[in-house]
């Protein structure tokens, strides 16, 4: 059996889950902090993230509004799953992202995700700061 690794980023964000949910599920907002997409928060929906360097094919796996969002992430030979978990806290929301499914042989993809996701979180917080 192949050993798989995960990239996990967790952060306490000073906004309620409902506001963060908007940034995670509205395509125009996703495009501002992650990538352009044709995302819809509907289980079974096939969508694509795209950038100048290429595209990531995805499928929505789980949607529990304001709590959990999960989708497959398929690009450059990597088959993984991204899961967002939102937990309300006294100061806003504890946001957890896990991208699971990195084989040991895909070290470059694993290291790239480790570097990229914290930057995406920073960009999301910038978007959240200007939302009503």
Protein backbone atom coordinates (compact mmCIF):
# COMPACT_ATOMS: atom_id res chain seq x y z
CA UNK A 1 0.00 0.00 0.00
CA UNK A 2 1.25 3.45 -0.93
CA UNK A 3 1.80 5.89 1.91
CA UNK A 4 0.00 9.18 1.36
CA UNK A 5 0.64 12.51 3.03
CA UNK A 6 -1.50 15.57 3.69
CA UNK A 7 -0.89 19.29 3.78
CA UNK A 8 -2.86 20.89 6.62
CA UNK A 9 -3.21 24.62 7.26
CA UNK A 10 -5.22 25.92 10.21
CA UNK A 11 -5.90 29.49 11.13
CA UNK A 12 -8.17 31.47 13.43
CA UNK A 13 -9.86 34.17 11.37
CA UNK A 14 -11.79 37.08 12.88
CA UNK A 15 -14.88 36.64 10.70
CA UNK A 16 -17.97 34.45 11.13
CA UNK A 17 -18.27 31.14 9.24
CA UNK A 18 -20.98 32.60 6.97
CA UNK A 19 -18.58 35.23 5.62
CA UNK A 20 -15.76 32.74 5.08
CA UNK A 21 -18.23 30.38 3.38
CA UNK A 22 -18.90 33.10 0.79
CA UNK A 23 -15.18 33.34 0.00
CA UNK A 24 -15.01 29.54 -0.35
CA UNK A 25 -18.08 29.13 -2.56
CA UNK A 26 -18.68 32.23 -4.70
CA UNK A 27 -16.69 31.95 -7.96
CA UNK A 28 -15.94 35.67 -8.29
CA UNK A 29 -14.48 35.67 -4.75
CA UNK A 30 -12.62 32.37 -5.23
CA UNK A 31 -11.00 33.97 -8.26
CA UNK A 32 -9.64 36.77 -6.11
CA UNK A 33 -7.80 34.59 -3.58
CA UNK A 34 -7.26 31.20 -5.22
CA UNK A 35 -7.91 30.78 -8.95
CA UNK A 36 -10.59 31.37 -11.55
CA UNK A 37 -13.26 28.67 -11.44
CA UNK A 38 -16.74 27.62 -12.42
CA UNK A 39 -17.43 26.29 -8.92
CA UNK A 40 -20.94 25.61 -7.62
CA UNK A 41 -21.50 24.34 -4.06
CA UNK A 42 -23.43 21.28 -5.21
CA UNK A 43 -22.33 17.68 -4.55
CA UNK A 44 -21.33 16.02 -7.80
CA UNK A 45 -20.62 19.30 -9.64
CA UNK A 46 -17.54 19.04 -11.88
CA UNK A 47 -15.54 22.25 -12.02
CA UNK A 48 -12.12 23.54 -12.88
CA UNK A 49 -9.63 25.90 -11.31
CA UNK A 50 -7.53 27.67 -13.96
CA UNK A 51 -4.47 29.88 -14.06
CA UNK A 52 -1.92 30.89 -16.67
CA UNK A 53 0.12 27.74 -15.94
CA UNK A 54 -2.76 25.30 -16.43
CA UNK A 55 -5.88 23.86 -14.85
CA UNK A 56 -7.02 21.64 -12.00
CA UNK A 57 -10.03 19.38 -12.55
CA UNK A 58 -12.27 19.02 -9.52
CA UNK A 59 -15.54 17.52 -8.33
CA UNK A 60 -17.55 18.62 -5.30
CA UNK A 61 -17.69 15.75 -2.79
CA UNK A 62 -19.32 17.26 0.30
CA UNK A 63 -21.20 20.45 1.11
CA UNK A 64 -22.43 21.34 4.58
CA UNK A 65 -23.04 25.11 4.44
CA UNK A 66 -20.89 27.17 6.82
CA UNK A 67 -19.20 23.96 8.14
CA UNK A 68 -17.61 21.64 5.56
CA UNK A 69 -16.65 21.78 1.91
CA UNK A 70 -14.73 19.02 0.15
CA UNK A 71 -13.67 18.50 -3.45
CA UNK A 72 -11.36 16.31 -5.49
CA UNK A 73 -8.25 17.99 -6.93
CA UNK A 74 -6.71 16.41 -10.03
CA UNK A 75 -3.71 17.98 -11.75
CA UNK A 76 -0.35 16.91 -13.15
CA UNK A 77 -0.81 13.30 -12.05
CA UNK A 78 -1.84 14.19 -8.50
CA UNK A 79 -5.19 12.87 -7.31
CA UNK A 80 -6.02 14.48 -3.97
CA UNK A 81 -8.93 15.77 -1.91
CA UNK A 82 -9.21 19.27 -0.42
CA UNK A 83 -11.42 19.57 2.66
CA UNK A 84 -12.31 22.84 4.35
CA UNK A 85 -13.69 22.74 7.90
CA UNK A 86 -15.15 25.87 9.52
CA UNK A 87 -15.68 25.93 13.28
CA UNK A 88 -17.25 28.98 14.92
CA UNK A 89 -15.17 30.34 17.79
CA UNK A 90 -15.51 33.15 20.27
CA UNK A 91 -13.40 35.41 18.04
CA UNK A 92 -14.68 34.33 14.62
CA UNK A 93 -13.86 31.05 12.87
CA UNK A 94 -11.24 28.35 13.12
CA UNK A 95 -10.57 27.48 9.48
CA UNK A 96 -8.86 24.19 8.63
CA UNK A 97 -7.83 23.08 5.16
CA UNK A 98 -6.47 19.62 4.44
CA UNK A 99 -5.24 18.51 1.04
CA UNK A 100 -4.89 14.75 1.34
CA UNK A 101 -3.42 12.24 -1.06
CA UNK A 102 0.21 13.14 -1.79
CA UNK A 103 2.23 10.00 -2.61
CA UNK A 104 5.83 10.01 -1.37
CA UNK A 105 6.95 10.03 -5.02
CA UNK A 106 5.33 13.43 -5.57
CA UNK A 107 7.60 15.43 -3.30
CA UNK A 108 7.56 18.50 -5.55
CA UNK A 109 3.75 18.71 -5.50
CA UNK A 110 3.73 18.17 -1.72
CA UNK A 111 6.32 20.89 -1.08
CA UNK A 112 4.55 23.23 -3.51
CA UNK A 113 1.25 22.80 -1.68
CA UNK A 114 2.97 23.38 1.68
CA UNK A 115 4.22 26.71 0.40
CA UNK A 116 1.12 27.76 -1.58
CA UNK A 117 -1.75 27.16 0.85
CA UNK A 118 -0.60 29.63 3.56
CA UNK A 119 -0.33 32.27 0.81
CA UNK A 120 -3.86 31.44 -0.36
CA UNK A 121 -5.08 31.86 3.24
CA UNK A 122 -3.41 35.30 3.37
CA UNK A 123 -5.08 36.27 0.09
CA UNK A 124 -8.46 35.04 1.35
CA UNK A 125 -8.12 37.17 4.48
CA UNK A 126 -7.48 40.20 2.28
CA UNK A 127 -10.69 39.47 0.35
CA UNK A 128 -12.63 38.93 3.59
CA UNK A 129 -11.45 42.26 5.01
CA UNK A 130 -13.19 44.18 2.23
CA UNK A 131 -16.45 42.18 2.13
CA UNK A 132 -19.56 43.58 3.79
